[in-house]
PDB file of N, CA and C in Angstrom:
ATOM      1  N   MET A   1      44.507 -21.200 -31.981  1.00  0.00           N
ATOM      2  CA  MET A   1      43.967 -20.190 -31.364  1.00  0.00           C
ATOM      3  C   MET A   1      45.024 -19.913 -30.198  1.00  0.00           C
ATOM      4  N   THR A   2      45.439 -18.701 -30.189  1.00  0.00           N
ATOM      5  CA  THR A   2      46.275 -18.070 -29.041  1.00  0.00           C
ATOM      6  C   THR A   2      45.650 -18.151 -27.645  1.00  0.00           C
ATOM      7  N   GLN A   3      46.505 -18.264 -26.699  1.00  0.00           N
ATOM      8  CA  GLN A   3      45.989 -17.850 -25.189  1.00  0.00           C
ATOM      9  C   GLN A   3      45.557 -16.704 -25.110  1.00  0.00           C
ATOM     10  N   ASN A   4      46.084 -15.782 -25.568  1.00  0.00           N
ATOM     11  CA  ASN A   4      45.374 -14.179 -25.809  1.00  0.00           C
ATOM     12  C   ASN A   4      44.038 -14.172 -26.222  1.00  0.00           C
ATOM     13  N   ASN A   5      44.009 -14.932 -27.400  1.00  0.00           N
ATOM     14  CA  ASN A   5      42.333 -14.765 -28.010  1.00  0.00           C
ATOM     15  C   ASN A   5      41.669 -15.730 -27.089  1.00  0.00           C
ATOM     16  N   GLN A   6      41.793 -16.651 -26.438  1.00  0.00           N
ATOM     17  CA  GLN A   6      40.793 -17.506 -25.607  1.00  0.00           C
ATOM     18  C   GLN A   6      40.796 -16.493 -24.404  1.00  0.00           C
ATOM     19  N   SER A   7      41.656 -15.763 -23.896  1.00  0.00           N
ATOM     20  CA  SER A   7      41.581 -14.903 -22.832  1.00  0.00           C
ATOM     21  C   SER A   7      40.505 -13.708 -22.987  1.00  0.00           C
ATOM     22  N   ASP A   8      40.635 -13.158 -24.133  1.00  0.00           N
ATOM     23  CA  ASP A   8      39.679 -12.295 -24.667  1.00  0.00           C
ATOM     24  C   ASP A   8      38.040 -12.547 -24.715  1.00  0.00           C
ATOM     25  N   GLU A   9      38.102 -13.743 -25.480  1.00  0.00           N
ATOM     26  CA  GLU A   9      36.982 -14.443 -25.450  1.00  0.00           C
ATOM     27  C   GLU A   9      36.038 -14.613 -24.586  1.00  0.00           C
ATOM     28  N   PHE A  10      36.959 -15.364 -23.249  1.00  0.00           N
ATOM     29  CA  PHE A  10      36.537 -15.685 -22.152  1.00  0.00           C
ATOM     30  C   PHE A  10      36.002 -14.505 -21.508  1.00  0.00           C
ATOM     31  N   LYS A  11      36.754 -13.140 -21.432  1.00  0.00           N
ATOM     32  CA  LYS A  11      36.378 -12.028 -20.714  1.00  0.00           C
ATOM     33  C   LYS A  11      35.255 -11.254 -21.493  1.00  0.00           C
ATOM     34  N   GLU A  12      34.888 -11.201 -22.831  1.00  0.00           N
ATOM     35  CA  GLU A  12      33.802 -11.022 -23.334  1.00  0.00           C
ATOM     36  C   GLU A  12      32.605 -11.779 -22.950  1.00  0.00           C
ATOM     37  N   TYR A  13      32.754 -12.978 -22.896  1.00  0.00           N
ATOM     38  CA  TYR A  13      31.658 -14.137 -22.715  1.00  0.00           C
ATOM     39  C   TYR A  13      31.403 -13.621 -21.054  1.00  0.00           C
ATOM     40  N   ILE A  14      32.297 -13.445 -20.058  1.00  0.00           N
ATOM     41  CA  ILE A  14      31.783 -13.250 -18.726  1.00  0.00           C
ATOM     42  C   ILE A  14      31.292 -11.803 -18.677  1.00  0.00           C
ATOM     43  N   GLY A  15      31.475 -10.902 -19.514  1.00  0.00           N
ATOM     44  CA  GLY A  15      30.925  -9.487 -19.610  1.00  0.00           C
ATOM     45  C   GLY A  15      29.502  -9.607 -20.083  1.00  0.00           C
ATOM     46  N   ARG A  16      29.188 -10.591 -20.856  1.00  0.00           N
ATOM     47  CA  ARG A  16      27.798 -10.699 -21.603  1.00  0.00           C
ATOM     48  C   ARG A  16      27.057 -11.324 -20.402  1.00  0.00           C
ATOM     49  N   GLU A  17      27.552 -12.372 -19.598  1.00  0.00           N
ATOM     50  CA  GLU A  17      26.730 -12.956 -18.626  1.00  0.00           C
ATOM     51  C   GLU A  17      26.607 -11.962 -17.603  1.00  0.00           C
ATOM     52  N   TYR A  18      27.445 -11.414 -17.094  1.00  0.00           N
ATOM     53  CA  TYR A  18      27.478 -10.302 -15.993  1.00  0.00           C
ATOM     54  C   TYR A  18      26.396  -9.339 -16.589  1.00  0.00           C
ATOM     55  N   GLN A  19      26.257  -9.022 -17.571  1.00  0.00           N
ATOM     56  CA  GLN A  19      25.126  -7.811 -18.005  1.00  0.00           C
ATOM     57  C   GLN A  19      23.866  -8.457 -17.818  1.00  0.00           C
ATOM     58  N   LYS A  20      23.658  -9.800 -18.576  1.00  0.00           N
ATOM     59  CA  LYS A  20      22.245 -10.509 -18.251  1.00  0.00           C
ATOM     60  C   LYS A  20      21.853 -10.544 -16.985  1.00  0.00           C
ATOM     61  N   ILE A  21      22.925 -11.079 -15.901  1.00  0.00           N
ATOM     62  CA  ILE A  21      22.602 -11.296 -14.641  1.00  0.00           C
ATOM     63  C   ILE A  21      22.232  -9.912 -13.958  1.00  0.00           C
ATOM     64  N   SER A  22      22.861  -8.975 -14.265  1.00  0.00           N
ATOM     65  CA  SER A  22      22.838  -7.520 -13.702  1.00  0.00           C
ATOM     66  C   SER A  22      21.492  -6.900 -14.048  1.00  0.00           C
ATOM     67  N   GLN A  23      21.163  -7.213 -15.277  1.00  0.00           N
ATOM     68  CA  GLN A  23      19.627  -6.889 -15.808  1.00  0.00           C
ATOM     69  C   GLN A  23      18.572  -7.688 -15.038  1.00  0.00           C
ATOM     70  N   LYS A  24      18.625  -8.895 -14.883  1.00  0.00           N
ATOM     71  CA  LYS A  24      17.688  -9.432 -14.233  1.00  0.00           C
ATOM     72  C   LYS A  24      17.533  -9.199 -12.795  1.00  0.00           C
ATOM     73  N   TYR A  25      18.815  -8.807 -12.167  1.00  0.00           N
ATOM     74  CA  TYR A  25      18.834  -8.148 -10.873  1.00  0.00           C
ATOM     75  C   TYR A  25      17.993  -7.174 -10.623  1.00  0.00           C
ATOM     76  N   ASN A  26      18.416  -6.176 -11.443  1.00  0.00           N
ATOM     77  CA  ASN A  26      17.786  -4.804 -11.485  1.00  0.00           C
ATOM     78  C   ASN A  26      16.265  -4.934 -11.728  1.00  0.00           C
ATOM     79  N   GLN A  27      15.825  -5.802 -12.585  1.00  0.00           N
ATOM     80  CA  GLN A  27      14.455  -5.943 -12.935  1.00  0.00           C
ATOM     81  C   GLN A  27      13.539  -6.806 -11.745  1.00  0.00           C
ATOM     82  N   ILE A  28      14.160  -7.673 -11.032  1.00  0.00           N
ATOM     83  CA  ILE A  28      13.655  -8.106  -9.728  1.00  0.00           C
ATOM     84  C   ILE A  28      13.607  -7.056  -8.621  1.00  0.00           C
ATOM     85  N   LYS A  29      14.593  -6.106  -8.391  1.00  0.00           N
ATOM     86  CA  LYS A  29      14.606  -5.322  -7.460  1.00  0.00           C
ATOM     87  C   LYS A  29      13.689  -4.278  -7.728  1.00  0.00           C
ATOM     88  N   ARG A  30      13.488  -3.837  -8.911  1.00  0.00           N
ATOM     89  CA  ARG A  30      12.468  -3.104  -9.336  1.00  0.00           C
ATOM     90  C   ARG A  30      11.058  -3.391  -8.920  1.00  0.00           C
ATOM     91  N   ASP A  31      10.522  -4.619  -9.332  1.00  0.00           N
ATOM     92  CA  ASP A  31       9.662  -5.437  -9.332  1.00  0.00           C
ATOM     93  C   ASP A  31       9.121  -5.337  -7.636  1.00  0.00           C
ATOM     94  N   LEU A  32      10.216  -5.655  -6.842  1.00  0.00           N
ATOM     95  CA  LEU A  32      10.070  -5.924  -5.507  1.00  0.00           C
ATOM     96  C   LEU A  32       9.670  -4.332  -5.062  1.00  0.00           C
ATOM     97  N   LEU A  33      10.368  -3.219  -5.418  1.00  0.00           N
ATOM     98  CA  LEU A  33      10.154  -2.147  -4.821  1.00  0.00           C
ATOM     99  C   LEU A  33       8.797  -1.704  -5.428  1.00  0.00           C
ATOM    100  N   GLU A  34       8.472  -1.960  -6.360  1.00  0.00           N
ATOM    101  CA  GLU A  34       7.114  -1.602  -7.090  1.00  0.00           C
ATOM    102  C   GLU A  34       6.040  -2.268  -6.223  1.00  0.00           C
ATOM    103  N   TYR A  35       6.253  -3.636  -5.867  1.00  0.00           N
ATOM    104  CA  TYR A  35       5.024  -4.335  -5.134  1.00  0.00           C
ATOM    105  C   TYR A  35       5.060  -3.896  -3.724  1.00  0.00           C
ATOM    106  N   MET A  36       6.058  -3.429  -3.339  1.00  0.00           N
ATOM    107  CA  MET A  36       6.034  -2.886  -1.825  1.00  0.00           C
ATOM    108  C   MET A  36       5.243  -1.508  -1.790  1.00  0.00           C
ATOM    109  N   GLY A  37       5.169  -0.932  -3.022  1.00  0.00           N
ATOM    110  CA  GLY A  37       4.628   0.508  -3.012  1.00  0.00           C
ATOM    111  C   GLY A  37       5.642   1.271  -2.315  1.00  0.00           C
ATOM    112  N   TYR A  38       7.011   1.296  -2.382  1.00  0.00           N
ATOM    113  CA  TYR A  38       8.105   1.943  -1.568  1.00  0.00           C
ATOM    114  C   TYR A  38       8.081   3.240  -1.777  1.00  0.00           C
ATOM    115  N   ASP A  39       7.874   3.766  -2.919  1.00  0.00           N
ATOM    116  CA  ASP A  39       7.694   4.976  -3.439  1.00  0.00           C
ATOM    117  C   ASP A  39       6.987   5.064  -4.857  1.00  0.00           C
ATOM    118  N   ASP A  40       6.191   6.333  -4.843  1.00  0.00           N
ATOM    119  CA  ASP A  40       5.570   6.314  -6.208  1.00  0.00           C
ATOM    120  C   ASP A  40       6.141   6.299  -7.311  1.00  0.00           C
ATOM    121  N   ALA A  41       7.691   6.574  -7.401  1.00  0.00           N
ATOM    122  CA  ALA A  41       8.524   6.896  -8.380  1.00  0.00           C
ATOM    123  C   ALA A  41       8.584   5.295  -8.751  1.00  0.00           C
ATOM    124  N   PHE A  42       8.159   4.197  -8.077  1.00  0.00           N
ATOM    125  CA  PHE A  42       8.510   2.652  -8.527  1.00  0.00           C
ATOM    126  C   PHE A  42       7.249   2.376  -9.064  1.00  0.00           C
ATOM    127  N   LEU A  43       6.231   2.589  -8.690  1.00  0.00           N
ATOM    128  CA  LEU A  43       4.929   2.239  -9.114  1.00  0.00           C
ATOM    129  C   LEU A  43       4.803   2.456 -10.669  1.00  0.00           C
ATOM    130  N   THR A  44       4.057   1.180 -11.186  1.00  0.00           N
ATOM    131  CA  THR A  44       3.936   1.409 -12.656  1.00  0.00           C
ATOM    132  C   THR A  44       2.500   2.084 -12.762  1.00  0.00           C
ATOM    133  N   THR A  45       2.353   2.849 -13.921  1.00  0.00           N
ATOM    134  CA  THR A  45       1.037   3.396 -13.992  1.00  0.00           C
ATOM    135  C   THR A  45       0.396   2.516 -14.824  1.00  0.00           C
ATOM    136  N   LYS A  46      -0.954   3.070 -14.814  1.00  0.00           N
ATOM    137  CA  LYS A  46      -2.057   2.619 -15.735  1.00  0.00           C
ATOM    138  C   LYS A  46      -1.517   2.624 -17.280  1.00  0.00           C
ATOM    139  N   ALA A  47      -0.917   3.711 -17.513  1.00  0.00           N
ATOM    140  CA  ALA A  47      -0.439   3.817 -19.064  1.00  0.00           C
ATOM    141  C   ALA A  47       0.781   2.720 -19.048  1.00  0.00           C
ATOM    142  N   GLY A  48       1.664   2.390 -18.155  1.00  0.00           N
ATOM    143  CA  GLY A  48       2.479   1.512 -18.342  1.00  0.00           C
ATOM    144  C   GLY A  48       2.087   0.243 -18.330  1.00  0.00           C
ATOM    145  N   TYR A  49       1.161   0.029 -17.364  1.00  0.00           N
ATOM    146  CA  TYR A  49       0.524  -1.441 -17.743  1.00  0.00           C
ATOM    147  C   TYR A  49       0.102  -1.934 -19.097  1.00  0.00           C
ATOM    148  N   ARG A  50      -0.781  -0.796 -19.489  1.00  0.00           N
ATOM    149  CA  ARG A  50      -1.414  -1.014 -20.916  1.00  0.00           C
ATOM    150  C   ARG A  50      -0.461  -1.144 -21.779  1.00  0.00           C
ATOM    151  N   LYS A  51       0.989  -0.750 -21.609  1.00  0.00           N
ATOM    152  CA  LYS A  51       1.801  -0.819 -22.775  1.00  0.00           C
ATOM    153  C   LYS A  51       2.421  -2.435 -22.646  1.00  0.00           C
ATOM    154  N   GLN A  52       2.343  -3.031 -21.596  1.00  0.00           N
ATOM    155  CA  GLN A  52       2.909  -4.422 -21.690  1.00  0.00           C
ATOM    156  C   GLN A  52       2.041  -5.336 -22.503  1.00  0.00           C
ATOM    157  N   THR A  53       2.585  -6.485 -22.427  1.00  0.00           N
ATOM    158  CA  THR A  53       2.121  -7.450 -23.098  1.00  0.00           C
ATOM    159  C   THR A  53       1.291  -8.247 -22.341  1.00  0.00           C
ATOM    160  N   LYS A  54       0.009  -9.166 -22.707  1.00  0.00           N
ATOM    161  CA  LYS A  54      -0.470 -10.262 -22.005  1.00  0.00           C
ATOM    162  C   LYS A  54       0.469 -10.888 -21.031  1.00  0.00           C
ATOM    163  N   ASN A  55       1.478 -11.607 -21.769  1.00  0.00           N
ATOM    164  CA  ASN A  55       2.321 -12.376 -21.120  1.00  0.00           C
ATOM    165  C   ASN A  55       3.242 -11.543 -20.141  1.00  0.00           C
ATOM    166  N   GLN A  56       3.484 -10.389 -20.168  1.00  0.00           N
ATOM    167  CA  GLN A  56       4.001  -9.726 -19.189  1.00  0.00           C
ATOM    168  C   GLN A  56       3.347  -9.481 -18.061  1.00  0.00           C
ATOM    169  N   LEU A  57       1.941  -9.138 -18.186  1.00  0.00           N
ATOM    170  CA  LEU A  57       0.983  -8.823 -17.164  1.00  0.00           C
ATOM    171  C   LEU A  57       0.899 -10.214 -16.349  1.00  0.00           C
ATOM    172  N   ILE A  58       0.908 -11.259 -16.950  1.00  0.00           N
ATOM    173  CA  ILE A  58       0.744 -12.257 -16.295  1.00  0.00           C
ATOM    174  C   ILE A  58       1.750 -12.752 -15.394  1.00  0.00           C
ATOM    175  N   GLU A  59       2.834 -12.561 -16.012  1.00  0.00           N
ATOM    176  CA  GLU A  59       4.188 -12.782 -15.284  1.00  0.00           C
ATOM    177  C   GLU A  59       4.250 -11.758 -14.221  1.00  0.00           C
ATOM    178  N   THR A  60       3.758 -10.663 -14.058  1.00  0.00           N
ATOM    179  CA  THR A  60       3.664  -9.918 -13.038  1.00  0.00           C
ATOM    180  C   THR A  60       2.503 -10.325 -11.934  1.00  0.00           C
ATOM    181  N   VAL A  61       1.883 -10.718 -12.211  1.00  0.00           N
ATOM    182  CA  VAL A  61       0.600 -11.081 -11.497  1.00  0.00           C
ATOM    183  C   VAL A  61       1.371 -12.441 -10.787  1.00  0.00           C
ATOM    184  N   PHE A  62       1.987 -13.380 -11.414  1.00  0.00           N
ATOM    185  CA  PHE A  62       2.569 -14.496 -10.634  1.00  0.00           C
ATOM    186  C   PHE A  62       3.407 -14.342  -9.786  1.00  0.00           C
ATOM    187  N   GLN A  63       4.591 -13.157 -10.082  1.00  0.00           N
ATOM    188  CA  GLN A  63       5.420 -12.792  -9.066  1.00  0.00           C
ATOM    189  C   GLN A  63       5.124 -12.086  -7.991  1.00  0.00           C
ATOM    190  N   GLN A  64       4.084 -11.496  -7.923  1.00  0.00           N
ATOM    191  CA  GLN A  64       3.295 -10.903  -6.897  1.00  0.00           C
ATOM    192  C   GLN A  64       2.735 -12.032  -6.155  1.00  0.00           C
ATOM    193  N   ARG A  65       1.977 -12.693  -6.612  1.00  0.00           N
ATOM    194  CA  ARG A  65       1.534 -13.946  -5.798  1.00  0.00           C
ATOM    195  C   ARG A  65       2.682 -14.643  -5.058  1.00  0.00           C
ATOM    196  N   ALA A  66       3.742 -14.883  -5.882  1.00  0.00           N
ATOM    197  CA  ALA A  66       5.064 -15.680  -5.218  1.00  0.00           C
ATOM    198  C   ALA A  66       5.405 -14.584  -4.027  1.00  0.00           C
ATOM    199  N   MET A  67       5.655 -13.588  -4.073  1.00  0.00           N
ATOM    200  CA  MET A  67       6.057 -12.547  -3.097  1.00  0.00           C
ATOM    201  C   MET A  67       5.068 -12.740  -1.760  1.00  0.00           C
ATOM    202  N   ILE A  68       3.716 -12.482  -2.127  1.00  0.00           N
ATOM    203  CA  ILE A  68       2.708 -12.550  -0.864  1.00  0.00           C
ATOM    204  C   ILE A  68       3.027 -13.961  -0.258  1.00  0.00           C
ATOM    205  N   ARG A  69       3.248 -15.017  -0.971  1.00  0.00           N
ATOM    206  CA  ARG A  69       3.395 -16.420  -0.330  1.00  0.00           C
ATOM    207  C   ARG A  69       4.841 -16.193   0.654  1.00  0.00           C
ATOM    208  N   ARG A  70       5.520 -15.702   0.032  1.00  0.00           N
ATOM    209  CA  ARG A  70       6.928 -15.715   0.706  1.00  0.00           C
ATOM    210  C   ARG A  70       6.936 -14.915   1.894  1.00  0.00           C
ATOM    211  N   LEU A  71       6.198 -13.780   1.768  1.00  0.00           N
ATOM    212  CA  LEU A  71       6.047 -12.853   2.901  1.00  0.00           C
ATOM    213  C   LEU A  71       5.240 -13.617   3.925  1.00  0.00           C
ATOM    214  N   LEU A  72       4.325 -14.352   3.518  1.00  0.00           N
ATOM    215  CA  LEU A  72       3.377 -14.789   4.572  1.00  0.00           C
ATOM    216  C   LEU A  72       4.241 -16.026   5.300  1.00  0.00           C
ATOM    217  N   GLU A  73       5.025 -16.637   4.670  1.00  0.00           N
ATOM    218  CA  GLU A  73       5.400 -17.743   5.309  1.00  0.00           C
ATOM    219  C   GLU A  73       6.594 -17.308   6.406  1.00  0.00           C
ATOM    220  N   GLU A  74       6.959 -15.940   6.271  1.00  0.00           N
ATOM    221  CA  GLU A  74       8.133 -15.502   7.211  1.00  0.00           C
ATOM    222  C   GLU A  74       7.485 -15.195   8.379  1.00  0.00           C
ATOM    223  N   LEU A  75       6.023 -15.009   8.468  1.00  0.00           N
ATOM    224  CA  LEU A  75       5.240 -14.294   9.655  1.00  0.00           C
ATOM    225  C   LEU A  75       4.932 -15.398  10.599  1.00  0.00           C
ATOM    226  N   ASP A  76       4.769 -15.063  11.820  1.00  0.00           N
ATOM    227  CA  ASP A  76       4.456 -16.039  12.969  1.00  0.00           C
ATOM    228  C   ASP A  76       2.911 -16.315  12.602  1.00  0.00           C
ATOM    229  N   GLU A  77       2.453 -17.469  13.194  1.00  0.00           N
ATOM    230  CA  GLU A  77       1.045 -18.164  12.734  1.00  0.00           C
ATOM    231  C   GLU A  77       0.094 -16.978  13.080  1.00  0.00           C
ATOM    232  N   ASP A  78       0.069 -16.158  14.079  1.00  0.00           N
ATOM    233  CA  ASP A  78      -1.250 -15.443  14.340  1.00  0.00           C
ATOM    234  C   ASP A  78      -1.138 -14.317  13.378  1.00  0.00           C
ATOM    235  N   LYS A  79      -0.076 -13.683  13.010  1.00  0.00           N
ATOM    236  CA  LYS A  79       0.045 -12.403  11.907  1.00  0.00           C
ATOM    237  C   LYS A  79      -0.438 -13.181  10.643  1.00  0.00           C
ATOM    238  N   ARG A  80       0.141 -14.491  10.102  1.00  0.00           N
ATOM    239  CA  ARG A  80      -0.115 -14.715   8.978  1.00  0.00           C
ATOM    240  C   ARG A  80      -1.694 -15.263   8.937  1.00  0.00           C
ATOM    241  N   ALA A  81      -2.169 -15.790  10.001  1.00  0.00           N
ATOM    242  CA  ALA A  81      -3.782 -15.949  10.064  1.00  0.00           C
ATOM    243  C   ALA A  81      -4.570 -14.771   9.817  1.00  0.00           C
ATOM    244  N   LYS A  82      -4.375 -13.620  10.545  1.00  0.00           N
ATOM    245  CA  LYS A  82      -4.829 -12.502  10.291  1.00  0.00           C
ATOM    246  C   LYS A  82      -4.688 -11.777   8.988  1.00  0.00           C
ATOM    247  N   LEU A  83      -3.627 -11.721   8.277  1.00  0.00           N
ATOM    248  CA  LEU A  83      -3.223 -11.292   7.000  1.00  0.00           C
ATOM    249  C   LEU A  83      -4.209 -12.121   5.987  1.00  0.00           C
ATOM    250  N   VAL A  84      -3.823 -13.418   6.229  1.00  0.00           N
ATOM    251  CA  VAL A  84      -4.601 -14.350   5.108  1.00  0.00           C
ATOM    252  C   VAL A  84      -6.018 -13.808   5.326  1.00  0.00           C
ATOM    253  N   ASN A  85      -6.683 -13.550   6.420  1.00  0.00           N
ATOM    254  CA  ASN A  85      -8.158 -13.369   6.379  1.00  0.00           C
ATOM    255  C   ASN A  85      -8.532 -12.013   5.602  1.00  0.00           C
ATOM    256  N   GLU A  86      -7.486 -11.096   5.901  1.00  0.00           N
ATOM    257  CA  GLU A  86      -7.760  -9.721   5.359  1.00  0.00           C
ATOM    258  C   GLU A  86      -7.413  -9.972   3.731  1.00  0.00           C
ATOM    259  N   LEU A  87      -6.668 -10.683   3.317  1.00  0.00           N
ATOM    260  CA  LEU A  87      -6.574 -10.728   1.941  1.00  0.00           C
ATOM    261  C   LEU A  87      -7.739 -11.677   1.331  1.00  0.00           C
ATOM    262  N   ASP A  88      -8.373 -12.580   1.940  1.00  0.00           N
ATOM    263  CA  ASP A  88      -9.732 -13.266   1.645  1.00  0.00           C
ATOM    264  C   ASP A  88     -10.524 -12.354   1.631  1.00  0.00           C
ATOM    265  N   GLU A  89     -10.733 -11.396   2.470  1.00  0.00           N
ATOM    266  CA  GLU A  89     -12.083 -10.443   2.544  1.00  0.00           C
ATOM    267  C   GLU A  89     -11.662  -9.620   1.366  1.00  0.00           C
ATOM    268  N   PHE A  90     -10.529  -8.932   1.092  1.00  0.00           N
ATOM    269  CA  PHE A  90     -10.221  -8.131   0.091  1.00  0.00           C
ATOM    270  C   PHE A  90     -10.690  -8.849  -1.155  1.00  0.00           C
ATOM    271  N   TYR A  91     -10.268 -10.122  -1.370  1.00  0.00           N
ATOM    272  CA  TYR A  91     -10.586 -10.461  -2.854  1.00  0.00           C
ATOM    273  C   TYR A  91     -12.122 -10.951  -2.957  1.00  0.00           C
ATOM    274  N   MET A  92     -12.631 -11.284  -1.611  1.00  0.00           N
ATOM    275  CA  MET A  92     -14.056 -11.885  -1.875  1.00  0.00           C
ATOM    276  C   MET A  92     -14.795 -10.487  -2.299  1.00  0.00           C
ATOM    277  N   GLU A  93     -14.753  -9.219  -1.471  1.00  0.00           N
ATOM    278  CA  GLU A  93     -15.174  -7.950  -1.838  1.00  0.00           C
ATOM    279  C   GLU A  93     -14.981  -7.705  -3.160  1.00  0.00           C
ATOM    280  N   ARG A  94     -13.899  -7.848  -3.661  1.00  0.00           N
ATOM    281  CA  ARG A  94     -13.494  -7.524  -5.142  1.00  0.00           C
ATOM    282  C   ARG A  94     -14.298  -8.422  -5.867  1.00  0.00           C
ATOM    283  N   ASP A  95     -14.318  -9.596  -5.618  1.00  0.00           N
ATOM    284  CA  ASP A  95     -15.103 -10.649  -6.885  1.00  0.00           C
ATOM    285  C   ASP A  95     -16.550 -10.269  -6.951  1.00  0.00           C
ATOM    286  N   ASN A  96     -17.067 -10.145  -5.660  1.00  0.00           N
ATOM    287  CA  ASN A  96     -18.540  -9.365  -5.219  1.00  0.00           C
ATOM    288  C   ASN A  96     -18.859  -8.445  -5.831  1.00  0.00           C
ATOM    289  N   SER A  97     -18.134  -7.286  -6.213  1.00  0.00           N
ATOM    290  CA  SER A  97     -18.307  -6.195  -6.941  1.00  0.00           C
ATOM    291  C   SER A  97     -18.482  -6.105  -8.414  1.00  0.00           C
ATOM    292  N   LYS A  98     -18.255  -7.338  -8.882  1.00  0.00           N
ATOM    293  CA  LYS A  98     -18.593  -7.264 -10.480  1.00  0.00           C
ATOM    294  C   LYS A  98     -19.742  -7.233 -10.953  1.00  0.00           C
TER     295      LYS A  98
END
């Protein structure tokens, strides 16, 4: 194998890896913008959720949980306690409405 062939293979490999990382980054960025409700254009519609598989929906829930935890960890103690109480009330009301 010549040096030129190895160089071309390496460039192709790096290109494929860059594309994978770029796609993952774009997915994470889209998920964050959707989660924040940044703009309606980033929100997944009910029809969009229906097209997803059960595993994709489960992954979305876990990503959102992780984001909530991370955001709460960044807050000072008073704000954190207030938001945790609001989240608790929200989910308790939701569970009781079934």
